[in-house]
Amino acid sequence: MAEFCELCAKDLNFPYGDFKGLTAKKAWSEGRAAVVICEGCGPIQVDPEGNCVTIDCFKKHGKKVK
């Protein structure tokens, strides 16, 4: 079964993505994230809400952090 981040799911008009909750909020606050494979983005890291945060994903979803 295909799995998508929140941003790819939105692009495909799906109600939600598949990765919400995979990154714990505590891990996120410590600068860590779950690594997953999104069918649209490829191998990525996701935030606690399931959004792609990888700046060099296939769709360029992630944002650079200063």
C-alpha atoms as a PDB file:
ATOM      1  CA  MET A   1       0.000   0.000   0.000  1.00  0.00           C
ATOM      2  CA  ALA A   2       1.298   3.466  -0.877  1.00  0.00           C
ATOM      3  CA  GLU A   3       1.999   5.903   1.949  1.00  0.00           C
ATOM      4  CA  PHE A   4       2.190   9.688   1.660  1.00  0.00           C
ATOM      5  CA  CYS A   5       3.289  12.650   3.776  1.00  0.00           C
ATOM      6  CA  GLU A   6       0.671  15.280   4.606  1.00  0.00           C
ATOM      7  CA  LEU A   7       1.805  17.540   1.755  1.00  0.00           C
ATOM      8  CA  CYS A   8       1.661  14.825  -0.929  1.00  0.00           C
ATOM      9  CA  ALA A   9      -1.694  13.640   0.431  1.00  0.00           C
ATOM     10  CA  LYS A  10      -3.018  17.203   0.100  1.00  0.00           C
ATOM     11  CA  ASP A  11      -1.694  17.400  -3.490  1.00  0.00           C
ATOM     12  CA  LEU A  12      -3.601  14.190  -4.292  1.00  0.00           C
ATOM     13  CA  ASN A  13      -6.793  15.378  -2.530  1.00  0.00           C
ATOM     14  CA  PHE A  14      -6.552  12.689   0.163  1.00  0.00           C
ATOM     15  CA  PRO A  15      -8.048  13.677   3.539  1.00  0.00           C
ATOM     16  CA  TYR A  16      -4.771  13.031   5.407  1.00  0.00           C
ATOM     17  CA  GLY A  17      -1.319  11.493   5.105  1.00  0.00           C
ATOM     18  CA  ASP A  18       0.064   8.375   6.724  1.00  0.00           C
ATOM     19  CA  PHE A  19       2.916   9.540   8.961  1.00  0.00           C
ATOM     20  CA  LYS A  20       1.265  11.641  11.681  1.00  0.00           C
ATOM     21  CA  GLY A  21       2.586  10.676  15.097  1.00  0.00           C
ATOM     22  CA  LEU A  22       5.627   8.722  13.904  1.00  0.00           C
ATOM     23  CA  THR A  23       7.950  11.431  15.213  1.00  0.00           C
ATOM     24  CA  ALA A  24       7.383  11.938  18.926  1.00  0.00           C
ATOM     25  CA  LYS A  25       7.066  15.558  20.058  1.00  0.00           C
ATOM     26  CA  LYS A  26       9.905  15.059  22.539  1.00  0.00           C
ATOM     27  CA  ALA A  27      12.179  13.681  19.810  1.00  0.00           C
ATOM     28  CA  TRP A  28      11.219  16.598  17.547  1.00  0.00           C
ATOM     29  CA  SER A  29      12.088  19.125  20.271  1.00  0.00           C
ATOM     30  CA  GLU A  30      15.497  17.422  20.550  1.00  0.00           C
ATOM     31  CA  GLY A  31      16.106  17.823  16.804  1.00  0.00           C
ATOM     32  CA  ARG A  32      15.294  14.245  15.791  1.00  0.00           C
ATOM     33  CA  ALA A  33      12.715  12.987  13.291  1.00  0.00           C
ATOM     34  CA  ALA A  34      11.409   9.681  11.951  1.00  0.00           C
ATOM     35  CA  VAL A  35      12.752   8.567   8.581  1.00  0.00           C
ATOM     36  CA  VAL A  36      10.071   7.215   6.226  1.00  0.00           C
ATOM     37  CA  ILE A  37       9.505   6.571   2.536  1.00  0.00           C
ATOM     38  CA  CYS A  38       6.793   8.721   0.967  1.00  0.00           C
ATOM     39  CA  GLU A  39       5.590   7.603  -2.463  1.00  0.00           C
ATOM     40  CA  GLY A  40       5.737  11.226  -3.660  1.00  0.00           C
ATOM     41  CA  CYS A  41       8.844  12.526  -1.872  1.00  0.00           C
ATOM     42  CA  GLY A  42      11.062   9.453  -1.577  1.00  0.00           C
ATOM     43  CA  PRO A  43      13.064   8.871   1.630  1.00  0.00           C
ATOM     44  CA  ILE A  44      12.304  11.756   3.993  1.00  0.00           C
ATOM     45  CA  GLN A  45      12.070  12.896   7.601  1.00  0.00           C
ATOM     46  CA  VAL A  46       8.704  13.949   9.015  1.00  0.00           C
ATOM     47  CA  ASP A  47       7.626  16.254  11.830  1.00  0.00           C
ATOM     48  CA  PRO A  48       5.093  15.124  14.481  1.00  0.00           C
ATOM     49  CA  GLU A  49       2.214  16.144  12.194  1.00  0.00           C
ATOM     50  CA  GLY A  50       3.499  13.989   9.327  1.00  0.00           C
ATOM     51  CA  ASN A  51       4.771  16.846   7.162  1.00  0.00           C
ATOM     52  CA  CYS A  52       7.892  16.356   5.063  1.00  0.00           C
ATOM     53  CA  VAL A  53      10.797  18.409   6.439  1.00  0.00           C
ATOM     54  CA  THR A  54      13.497  17.149   4.069  1.00  0.00           C
ATOM     55  CA  ILE A  55      14.762  20.040   1.935  1.00  0.00           C
ATOM     56  CA  ASP A  56      16.005  17.829  -0.889  1.00  0.00           C
ATOM     57  CA  CYS A  57      13.002  15.504  -1.271  1.00  0.00           C
ATOM     58  CA  PHE A  58      11.711  14.832  -4.792  1.00  0.00           C
ATOM     59  CA  LYS A  59       8.993  17.503  -4.338  1.00  0.00           C
ATOM     60  CA  LYS A  60      11.201  20.027  -2.460  1.00  0.00           C
ATOM     61  CA  HIS A  61       8.702  20.236   0.423  1.00  0.00           C
ATOM     62  CA  GLY A  62      11.085  20.892   3.289  1.00  0.00           C
ATOM     63  CA  LYS A  63      12.264  24.352   4.311  1.00  0.00           C
ATOM     64  CA  LYS A  64      15.776  25.442   5.142  1.00  0.00           C
ATOM     65  CA  VAL A  65      16.289  26.308   8.788  1.00  0.00           C
ATOM     66  CA  LYS A  66      18.758  29.086   9.586  1.00  0.00           C
END
